[in-house]
C-alpha atoms as a PDB file:
ATOM      1  CA  UNK A   1     108.615 205.744  96.492  1.00  0.00           C
ATOM      2  CA  UNK A   2     110.096 204.274  99.649  1.00  0.00           C
ATOM      3  CA  UNK A   3     107.596 201.932 101.293  1.00  0.00           C
ATOM      4  CA  UNK A   4     109.446 202.453 104.574  1.00  0.00           C
ATOM      5  CA  UNK A   5     107.732 205.842 104.828  1.00  0.00           C
ATOM      6  CA  UNK A   6     104.218 204.400 104.746  1.00  0.00           C
ATOM      7  CA  UNK A   7     103.398 201.795 107.422  1.00  0.00           C
ATOM      8  CA  UNK A   8     100.346 200.224 105.751  1.00  0.00           C
ATOM      9  CA  UNK A   9      99.346 196.586 105.337  1.00  0.00           C
ATOM     10  CA  UNK A  10      99.707 196.904 101.572  1.00  0.00           C
ATOM     11  CA  UNK A  11     103.262 198.149 101.891  1.00  0.00           C
ATOM     12  CA  UNK A  12     104.013 195.413 104.428  1.00  0.00           C
ATOM     13  CA  UNK A  13     102.897 192.777 101.911  1.00  0.00           C
ATOM     14  CA  UNK A  14     104.966 194.479  99.201  1.00  0.00           C
ATOM     15  CA  UNK A  15     108.038 194.623 101.440  1.00  0.00           C
ATOM     16  CA  UNK A  16     107.667 190.957 102.429  1.00  0.00           C
ATOM     17  CA  UNK A  17     107.330 189.927  98.778  1.00  0.00           C
ATOM     18  CA  UNK A  18     110.429 191.914  97.834  1.00  0.00           C
ATOM     19  CA  UNK A  19     112.330 190.357 100.746  1.00  0.00           C
ATOM     20  CA  UNK A  20     111.237 186.853  99.730  1.00  0.00           C
ATOM     21  CA  UNK A  21     112.242 187.440  96.087  1.00  0.00           C
ATOM     22  CA  UNK A  22     115.584 188.912  97.175  1.00  0.00           C
ATOM     23  CA  UNK A  23     116.334 185.829  99.276  1.00  0.00           C
ATOM     24  CA  UNK A  24     115.325 183.499  96.436  1.00  0.00           C
ATOM     25  CA  UNK A  25     117.445 185.526  94.014  1.00  0.00           C
ATOM     26  CA  UNK A  26     120.452 185.297  96.311  1.00  0.00           C
ATOM     27  CA  UNK A  27     120.079 181.513  96.657  1.00  0.00           C
ATOM     28  CA  UNK A  28     119.856 181.085  92.878  1.00  0.00           C
ATOM     29  CA  UNK A  29     122.852 183.333  92.245  1.00  0.00           C
ATOM     30  CA  UNK A  30     124.856 181.509  94.910  1.00  0.00           C
ATOM     31  CA  UNK A  31     124.050 178.149  93.282  1.00  0.00           C
ATOM     32  CA  UNK A  32     124.936 179.529  89.857  1.00  0.00           C
ATOM     33  CA  UNK A  33     128.238 180.893  91.169  1.00  0.00           C
ATOM     34  CA  UNK A  34     129.157 177.525  92.735  1.00  0.00           C
ATOM     35  CA  UNK A  35     128.322 175.626  89.541  1.00  0.00           C
ATOM     36  CA  UNK A  36     130.360 178.037  87.413  1.00  0.00           C
ATOM     37  CA  UNK A  37     133.319 177.869  89.812  1.00  0.00           C
ATOM     38  CA  UNK A  38     133.243 174.054  89.772  1.00  0.00           C
ATOM     39  CA  UNK A  39     133.106 174.062  85.959  1.00  0.00           C
ATOM     40  CA  UNK A  40     135.946 176.575  85.756  1.00  0.00           C
ATOM     41  CA  UNK A  41     138.176 174.575  88.124  1.00  0.00           C
ATOM     42  CA  UNK A  42     137.664 171.427  86.019  1.00  0.00           C
ATOM     43  CA  UNK A  43     138.635 173.354  82.900  1.00  0.00           C
ATOM     44  CA  UNK A  44     141.720 174.820  84.591  1.00  0.00           C
ATOM     45  CA  UNK A  45     142.887 171.307  85.523  1.00  0.00           C
ATOM     46  CA  UNK A  46     142.287 170.211  81.928  1.00  0.00           C
ATOM     47  CA  UNK A  47     144.153 173.257  80.572  1.00  0.00           C
ATOM     48  CA  UNK A  48     147.164 172.475  82.756  1.00  0.00           C
ATOM     49  CA  UNK A  49     147.207 168.898  81.455  1.00  0.00           C
ATOM     50  CA  UNK A  50     147.034 170.029  77.810  1.00  0.00           C
ATOM     51  CA  UNK A  51     149.701 172.678  78.388  1.00  0.00           C
ATOM     52  CA  UNK A  52     151.965 169.979  79.774  1.00  0.00           C
ATOM     53  CA  UNK A  53     151.373 167.856  76.654  1.00  0.00           C
ATOM     54  CA  UNK A  54     152.118 170.864  74.438  1.00  0.00           C
ATOM     55  CA  UNK A  55     155.394 171.540  76.248  1.00  0.00           C
ATOM     56  CA  UNK A  56     156.544 167.941  75.825  1.00  0.00           C
ATOM     57  CA  UNK A  57     155.430 167.712  72.192  1.00  0.00           C
ATOM     58  CA  UNK A  58     156.981 171.070  71.315  1.00  0.00           C
ATOM     59  CA  UNK A  59     160.291 169.960  72.788  1.00  0.00           C
ATOM     60  CA  UNK A  60     160.205 166.710  70.812  1.00  0.00           C
ATOM     61  CA  UNK A  61     159.189 168.569  67.643  1.00  0.00           C
ATOM     62  CA  UNK A  62     162.056 171.057  67.911  1.00  0.00           C
ATOM     63  CA  UNK A  63     164.533 168.286  68.636  1.00  0.00           C
ATOM     64  CA  UNK A  64     163.403 166.465  65.478  1.00  0.00           C
ATOM     65  CA  UNK A  65     163.485 169.736  63.517  1.00  0.00           C
ATOM     66  CA  UNK A  66     167.017 170.397  64.718  1.00  0.00           C
ATOM     67  CA  UNK A  67     168.116 166.985  63.455  1.00  0.00           C
ATOM     68  CA  UNK A  68     166.400 167.688  60.120  1.00  0.00           C
ATOM     69  CA  UNK A  69     168.130 171.084  59.844  1.00  0.00           C
ATOM     70  CA  UNK A  70     171.507 169.445  60.425  1.00  0.00           C
ATOM     71  CA  UNK A  71     170.990 166.457  58.120  1.00  0.00           C
ATOM     72  CA  UNK A  72     169.217 168.028  55.110  1.00  0.00           C
ATOM     73  CA  UNK A  73     169.987 171.711  55.608  1.00  0.00           C
ATOM     74  CA  UNK A  74     168.089 174.670  57.004  1.00  0.00           C
ATOM     75  CA  UNK A  75     167.324 176.162  53.572  1.00  0.00           C
ATOM     76  CA  UNK A  76     165.734 172.900  52.402  1.00  0.00           C
ATOM     77  CA  UNK A  77     163.605 172.682  55.562  1.00  0.00           C
ATOM     78  CA  UNK A  78     162.574 176.306  55.089  1.00  0.00           C
ATOM     79  CA  UNK A  79     161.532 175.695  51.475  1.00  0.00           C
ATOM     80  CA  UNK A  80     159.496 172.669  52.535  1.00  0.00           C
ATOM     81  CA  UNK A  81     157.902 174.716  55.317  1.00  0.00           C
ATOM     82  CA  UNK A  82     156.523 177.205  52.778  1.00  0.00           C
ATOM     83  CA  UNK A  83     154.683 174.329  51.094  1.00  0.00           C
ATOM     84  CA  UNK A  84     152.642 173.529  54.220  1.00  0.00           C
ATOM     85  CA  UNK A  85     149.127 174.986  53.777  1.00  0.00           C
ATOM     86  CA  UNK A  86     147.482 177.326  56.282  1.00  0.00           C
ATOM     87  CA  UNK A  87     144.960 175.566  58.534  1.00  0.00           C
ATOM     88  CA  UNK A  88     141.427 176.561  57.492  1.00  0.00           C
ATOM     89  CA  UNK A  89     139.395 173.701  58.924  1.00  0.00           C
ATOM     90  CA  UNK A  90     138.570 175.255  62.313  1.00  0.00           C
ATOM     91  CA  UNK A  91     134.915 175.598  63.320  1.00  0.00           C
ATOM     92  CA  UNK A  92     133.502 177.404  66.370  1.00  0.00           C
ATOM     93  CA  UNK A  93     130.137 176.678  67.960  1.00  0.00           C
ATOM     94  CA  UNK A  94     128.767 177.576  71.382  1.00  0.00           C
ATOM     95  CA  UNK A  95     127.153 175.805  74.310  1.00  0.00           C
ATOM     96  CA  UNK A  96     125.526 177.335  77.357  1.00  0.00           C
ATOM     97  CA  UNK A  97     126.471 176.723  80.985  1.00  0.00           C
ATOM     98  CA  UNK A  98     124.036 178.505  83.311  1.00  0.00           C
ATOM     99  CA  UNK A  99     123.527 181.190  80.672  1.00  0.00           C
ATOM    100  CA  UNK A 100     127.243 181.589  79.883  1.00  0.00           C
ATOM    101  CA  UNK A 101     128.087 181.061  76.212  1.00  0.00           C
ATOM    102  CA  UNK A 102     131.096 178.734  76.043  1.00  0.00           C
ATOM    103  CA  UNK A 103     132.912 178.182  72.716  1.00  0.00           C
ATOM    104  CA  UNK A 104     133.395 174.714  71.275  1.00  0.00           C
ATOM    105  CA  UNK A 105     136.322 174.765  68.859  1.00  0.00           C
ATOM    106  CA  UNK A 106     136.702 171.827  66.511  1.00  0.00           C
ATOM    107  CA  UNK A 107     139.238 171.178  63.793  1.00  0.00           C
ATOM    108  CA  UNK A 108     138.506 169.084  60.760  1.00  0.00           C
ATOM    109  CA  UNK A 109     140.117 165.676  61.099  1.00  0.00           C
ATOM    110  CA  UNK A 110     142.593 165.204  58.288  1.00  0.00           C
ATOM    111  CA  UNK A 111     144.954 162.359  57.662  1.00  0.00           C
ATOM    112  CA  UNK A 112     148.548 163.551  57.850  1.00  0.00           C
ATOM    113  CA  UNK A 113     149.780 163.852  54.291  1.00  0.00           C
ATOM    114  CA  UNK A 114     153.243 165.371  53.889  1.00  0.00           C
ATOM    115  CA  UNK A 115     153.261 168.116  51.237  1.00  0.00           C
ATOM    116  CA  UNK A 116     156.819 167.385  50.215  1.00  0.00           C
ATOM    117  CA  UNK A 117     158.693 164.737  48.283  1.00  0.00           C
ATOM    118  CA  UNK A 118     160.708 162.092  50.061  1.00  0.00           C
ATOM    119  CA  UNK A 119     163.853 162.274  47.936  1.00  0.00           C
ATOM    120  CA  UNK A 120     165.124 165.391  49.775  1.00  0.00           C
ATOM    121  CA  UNK A 121     163.836 164.582  53.261  1.00  0.00           C
ATOM    122  CA  UNK A 122     164.346 162.057  56.053  1.00  0.00           C
ATOM    123  CA  UNK A 123     162.632 160.504  59.072  1.00  0.00           C
ATOM    124  CA  UNK A 124     163.589 163.433  61.341  1.00  0.00           C
ATOM    125  CA  UNK A 125     161.570 165.870  59.214  1.00  0.00           C
ATOM    126  CA  UNK A 126     158.627 163.459  59.142  1.00  0.00           C
ATOM    127  CA  UNK A 127     158.793 163.235  62.935  1.00  0.00           C
ATOM    128  CA  UNK A 128     158.933 167.010  63.290  1.00  0.00           C
ATOM    129  CA  UNK A 129     155.962 167.362  60.921  1.00  0.00           C
ATOM    130  CA  UNK A 130     153.887 164.887  62.954  1.00  0.00           C
ATOM    131  CA  UNK A 131     154.810 166.503  66.267  1.00  0.00           C
ATOM    132  CA  UNK A 132     153.999 170.021  65.089  1.00  0.00           C
ATOM    133  CA  UNK A 133     150.677 168.758  63.719  1.00  0.00           C
ATOM    134  CA  UNK A 134     149.921 167.327  67.155  1.00  0.00           C
ATOM    135  CA  UNK A 135     150.873 170.653  68.777  1.00  0.00           C
ATOM    136  CA  UNK A 136     148.438 172.414  66.420  1.00  0.00           C
ATOM    137  CA  UNK A 137     145.567 170.188  67.545  1.00  0.00           C
ATOM    138  CA  UNK A 138     146.479 170.555  71.214  1.00  0.00           C
ATOM    139  CA  UNK A 139     146.690 174.336  70.817  1.00  0.00           C
ATOM    140  CA  UNK A 140     143.154 174.408  69.405  1.00  0.00           C
ATOM    141  CA  UNK A 141     141.951 172.458  72.445  1.00  0.00           C
ATOM    142  CA  UNK A 142     143.828 174.784  74.788  1.00  0.00           C
ATOM    143  CA  UNK A 143     142.440 177.904  73.086  1.00  0.00           C
ATOM    144  CA  UNK A 144     138.903 176.574  73.559  1.00  0.00           C
ATOM    145  CA  UNK A 145     139.471 175.890  77.250  1.00  0.00           C
ATOM    146  CA  UNK A 146     141.258 179.167  78.005  1.00  0.00           C
ATOM    147  CA  UNK A 147     138.488 181.151  76.319  1.00  0.00           C
ATOM    148  CA  UNK A 148     135.891 179.222  78.318  1.00  0.00           C
ATOM    149  CA  UNK A 149     137.761 179.875  81.570  1.00  0.00           C
ATOM    150  CA  UNK A 150     137.954 183.606  80.758  1.00  0.00           C
ATOM    151  CA  UNK A 151     134.211 183.808  80.063  1.00  0.00           C
ATOM    152  CA  UNK A 152     133.347 181.810  83.173  1.00  0.00           C
ATOM    153  CA  UNK A 153     135.613 183.950  85.367  1.00  0.00           C
ATOM    154  CA  UNK A 154     133.976 187.150  84.109  1.00  0.00           C
ATOM    155  CA  UNK A 155     130.496 185.748  84.703  1.00  0.00           C
ATOM    156  CA  UNK A 156     131.454 184.480  88.165  1.00  0.00           C
ATOM    157  CA  UNK A 157     132.642 188.000  89.019  1.00  0.00           C
ATOM    158  CA  UNK A 158     129.359 189.560  87.835  1.00  0.00           C
ATOM    159  CA  UNK A 159     127.298 186.902  89.611  1.00  0.00           C
ATOM    160  CA  UNK A 160     129.248 187.419  92.845  1.00  0.00           C
ATOM    161  CA  UNK A 161     128.699 191.176  92.614  1.00  0.00           C
ATOM    162  CA  UNK A 162     124.933 190.748  92.187  1.00  0.00           C
ATOM    163  CA  UNK A 163     124.769 188.164  94.988  1.00  0.00           C
ATOM    164  CA  UNK A 164     126.686 190.496  97.320  1.00  0.00           C
ATOM    165  CA  UNK A 165     124.311 193.366  96.491  1.00  0.00           C
ATOM    166  CA  UNK A 166     121.350 191.189  97.467  1.00  0.00           C
ATOM    167  CA  UNK A 167     123.008 189.767 100.573  1.00  0.00           C
ATOM    168  CA  UNK A 168     124.539 192.967 101.924  1.00  0.00           C
ATOM    169  CA  UNK A 169     122.120 195.660 100.697  1.00  0.00           C
ATOM    170  CA  UNK A 170     118.700 194.499  99.498  1.00  0.00           C
ATOM    171  CA  UNK A 171     117.992 191.739 102.036  1.00  0.00           C
ATOM    172  CA  UNK A 172     119.076 193.726 105.152  1.00  0.00           C
ATOM    173  CA  UNK A 173     117.222 196.791 103.850  1.00  0.00           C
ATOM    174  CA  UNK A 174     113.927 194.973 103.351  1.00  0.00           C
ATOM    175  CA  UNK A 175     114.325 193.059 106.590  1.00  0.00           C
ATOM    176  CA  UNK A 176     114.548 196.444 108.300  1.00  0.00           C
ATOM    177  CA  UNK A 177     111.654 197.889 106.284  1.00  0.00           C
ATOM    178  CA  UNK A 178     109.461 194.869 107.046  1.00  0.00           C
ATOM    179  CA  UNK A 179     110.337 195.055 110.730  1.00  0.00           C
ATOM    180  CA  UNK A 180     109.663 198.806 110.890  1.00  0.00           C
ATOM    181  CA  UNK A 181     106.290 198.544 109.150  1.00  0.00           C
ATOM    182  CA  UNK A 182     105.305 195.539 111.290  1.00  0.00           C
ATOM    183  CA  UNK A 183     106.221 197.414 114.481  1.00  0.00           C
ATOM    184  CA  UNK A 184     104.404 200.557 113.317  1.00  0.00           C
ATOM    185  CA  UNK A 185     101.241 198.610 112.497  1.00  0.00           C
ATOM    186  CA  UNK A 186     101.327 196.777 115.831  1.00  0.00           C
ATOM    187  CA  UNK A 187     101.790 200.090 117.628  1.00  0.00           C
ATOM    188  CA  UNK A 188      98.887 201.538 115.662  1.00  0.00           C
ATOM    189  CA  UNK A 189      96.700 198.551 116.596  1.00  0.00           C
ATOM    190  CA  UNK A 190      97.594 198.980 120.286  1.00  0.00           C
ATOM    191  CA  UNK A 191      96.740 202.667 120.132  1.00  0.00           C
ATOM    192  CA  UNK A 192      93.445 201.899 118.425  1.00  0.00           C
ATOM    193  CA  UNK A 193      92.637 199.236 120.994  1.00  0.00           C
ATOM    194  CA  UNK A 194      93.426 201.619 123.841  1.00  0.00           C
ATOM    195  CA  UNK A 195      91.327 204.381 122.228  1.00  0.00           C
ATOM    196  CA  UNK A 196      88.335 202.080 121.790  1.00  0.00           C
ATOM    197  CA  UNK A 197      88.704 200.876 125.360  1.00  0.00           C
ATOM    198  CA  UNK A 198      88.679 204.468 126.648  1.00  0.00           C
ATOM    199  CA  UNK A 199      85.634 205.323 124.527  1.00  0.00           C
ATOM    200  CA  UNK A 200      83.823 202.227 125.772  1.00  0.00           C
ATOM    201  CA  UNK A 201      84.617 203.029 129.426  1.00  0.00           C
ATOM    202  CA  UNK A 202      83.470 206.644 128.938  1.00  0.00           C
ATOM    203  CA  UNK A 203      80.103 205.573 127.545  1.00  0.00           C
ATOM    204  CA  UNK A 204      79.451 203.068 130.317  1.00  0.00           C
END
């Protein structure tokens, strides 16, 4: 039922309440959007920094691996690579930012323990092993941040859409409804006043 069709005091109160709630809702959504954007921008800066570290570490790791391939042979390095266990110490929990579930990815801290003997290897392979282990940890951090950015971006988009609906549709609509009802009631009061005045003058 459209209250705009019925200029009564009850509908005026209802329209004013809806308008007030719409304005409050828009303010809250706008604050939420700004907080989420600020959080997302901080994470993007952090992601860029980690990506830069990954690029540098990867380059150093491959340089060390190349030296190891040349000095002890590619087949030996490949055999040793098969002995490295799959990482299974990753844990995922969640935290909430303004209602948005953000993942927290942690990896079990383990002391680096080469899974190969030293009689067939050299310092270059050890260096490559350490660098790739560092890349693994950085990649976990980057995955956490990128996932958080994705979730925040989606929520920012939804929040912006809802805020725009309030700002551009609901608030103008109920401002118009409130104004129309107010004007109709004032006109009705003027007509009633005029009618009573005529009746009074007729009786006197």
